[in-house]
Amino acid sequence: MDITDISRASQAPLTEAALCRWLGAAAPGDAITYFRGALARSLCPQLALISQDERVNLARLATRAWKLAEDGLADLVQRRRGFEDFEYLLVARRRPRRVSPSLLPQILAEAA
């Protein structure tokens, strides 16, 4: 499995549109880390672990990953790395026959 690691320290956070573009070019089995940390805690506004803008963008990214998995285009994987340290991965699946070739551009347009 080819894993593309998105390091928060070395790069800007992954965007929803970038995730969709990656999936459009990914081969089955390719994976990308779309978040590292404790997702539920990071999304909790009462804890204020990240700014409101970051929280909104992270919520959109996580929702998009979930939607791609629901559509059968990817699988979601979570790896425990340590205490409250999880790696959230999106793994590309083989494109189902029932999905029209125009679905990925439509998803990308929604994410933009």
Protein backbone atom coordinates (compact mmCIF):
# COMPACT_ATOMS: atom_id res chain seq x y z
CA MET A 1 0.00 0.00 0.00
CA ASP A 2 1.41 3.39 -0.98
CA ILE A 3 0.83 5.90 1.79
CA THR A 4 1.09 9.62 1.19
CA ASP A 5 1.81 11.22 4.56
CA ILE A 6 0.58 14.74 5.07
CA SER A 7 2.67 16.22 7.87
CA ARG A 8 1.00 19.18 9.56
CA ALA A 9 4.39 20.55 10.57
CA SER A 10 5.86 20.63 7.07
CA GLN A 11 2.81 21.42 4.93
CA ALA A 12 -0.43 23.32 5.07
CA PRO A 13 -3.43 21.27 6.23
CA LEU A 14 -5.05 19.16 3.54
CA THR A 15 -8.11 20.76 1.96
CA GLU A 16 -11.32 19.11 0.86
CA ALA A 17 -10.59 19.95 -2.79
CA ALA A 18 -7.04 18.58 -2.54
CA LEU A 19 -8.39 15.34 -1.07
CA CYS A 20 -10.80 14.95 -4.00
CA ARG A 21 -8.05 15.73 -6.54
CA TRP A 22 -5.81 13.14 -4.88
CA LEU A 23 -8.54 10.51 -5.04
CA GLY A 24 -9.16 11.26 -8.71
CA ALA A 25 -5.53 10.43 -9.49
CA ALA A 26 -5.04 7.62 -6.96
CA ALA A 27 -4.69 3.96 -7.88
CA PRO A 28 -6.62 1.34 -5.91
CA GLY A 29 -4.85 0.73 -2.61
CA ASP A 30 -3.17 4.14 -2.48
CA ALA A 31 -3.73 5.91 0.83
CA ILE A 32 -3.46 9.44 2.15
CA THR A 33 -3.38 10.67 5.73
CA TYR A 34 -6.02 13.37 5.94
CA PHE A 35 -5.62 14.09 9.66
CA ARG A 36 -3.33 13.16 12.54
CA GLY A 37 -4.42 13.64 16.14
CA ALA A 38 -7.70 13.06 17.96
CA LEU A 39 -10.36 14.01 15.41
CA ALA A 40 -13.37 14.14 17.73
CA ARG A 41 -11.48 16.21 20.32
CA SER A 42 -10.17 18.57 17.63
CA LEU A 43 -13.70 19.12 16.32
CA CYS A 44 -15.15 19.89 19.76
CA PRO A 45 -15.69 23.68 20.00
CA GLN A 46 -15.76 23.64 23.82
CA LEU A 47 -12.18 22.33 23.99
CA ALA A 48 -10.93 25.05 21.61
CA LEU A 49 -7.91 22.97 20.57
CA ILE A 50 -7.86 24.63 17.14
CA SER A 51 -9.26 27.87 15.78
CA GLN A 52 -12.85 28.14 14.54
CA ASP A 53 -11.69 28.37 10.90
CA GLU A 54 -9.47 25.29 11.27
CA ARG A 55 -12.32 23.43 12.96
CA VAL A 56 -14.74 24.25 10.12
CA ASN A 57 -12.20 23.18 7.48
CA LEU A 58 -11.40 19.98 9.38
CA ALA A 59 -15.12 19.17 9.74
CA ARG A 60 -15.61 19.65 5.98
CA LEU A 61 -12.58 17.46 5.24
CA ALA A 62 -13.75 14.67 7.55
CA THR A 63 -17.29 14.87 6.16
CA ARG A 64 -15.96 14.66 2.59
CA ALA A 65 -13.83 11.62 3.48
CA TRP A 66 -16.92 9.96 4.99
CA LYS A 67 -18.99 10.78 1.88
CA LEU A 68 -16.32 9.33 -0.44
CA ALA A 69 -16.37 6.15 1.63
CA GLU A 70 -20.18 6.01 1.55
CA ASP A 71 -20.05 6.37 -2.25
CA GLY A 72 -17.78 3.32 -2.42
CA LEU A 73 -14.80 5.25 -3.77
CA ALA A 74 -12.56 4.83 -0.72
CA ASP A 75 -12.19 3.13 2.64
CA LEU A 76 -11.56 4.91 5.92
CA VAL A 77 -8.80 3.57 8.16
CA GLN A 78 -7.73 4.76 11.59
CA ARG A 79 -4.35 3.84 13.11
CA ARG A 80 -3.50 4.40 16.74
CA ARG A 81 -0.03 5.95 17.09
CA GLY A 82 -0.15 6.84 20.78
CA PHE A 83 -2.29 8.43 23.47
CA GLU A 84 -4.85 10.62 21.68
CA ASP A 85 -2.71 10.32 18.56
CA PHE A 86 -4.49 8.70 15.63
CA GLU A 87 -3.74 8.69 11.93
CA TYR A 88 -6.86 9.01 9.76
CA LEU A 89 -6.39 7.56 6.29
CA LEU A 90 -8.45 7.51 3.13
CA VAL A 91 -7.64 4.45 1.00
CA ALA A 92 -8.63 4.51 -2.68
CA ARG A 93 -10.79 1.62 -3.84
CA ARG A 94 -11.27 0.16 -7.27
CA ARG A 95 -13.90 2.25 -9.01
CA PRO A 96 -17.28 0.51 -8.87
CA ARG A 97 -18.88 -0.14 -12.25
CA ARG A 98 -22.05 1.62 -11.17
CA VAL A 99 -20.18 4.92 -10.74
CA SER A 100 -20.18 7.01 -13.88
CA PRO A 101 -16.84 8.46 -15.04
CA SER A 102 -18.23 11.95 -14.46
CA LEU A 103 -18.73 11.39 -10.70
CA LEU A 104 -15.24 12.51 -9.62
CA PRO A 105 -15.43 15.90 -11.38
CA GLN A 106 -18.84 16.40 -9.74
CA ILE A 107 -17.41 15.58 -6.31
CA LEU A 108 -14.50 17.94 -6.93
CA ALA A 109 -16.93 20.70 -7.92
CA GLU A 110 -18.87 20.17 -4.67
CA ALA A 111 -15.66 20.40 -2.66
CA ALA A 112 -14.51 23.66 -4.28
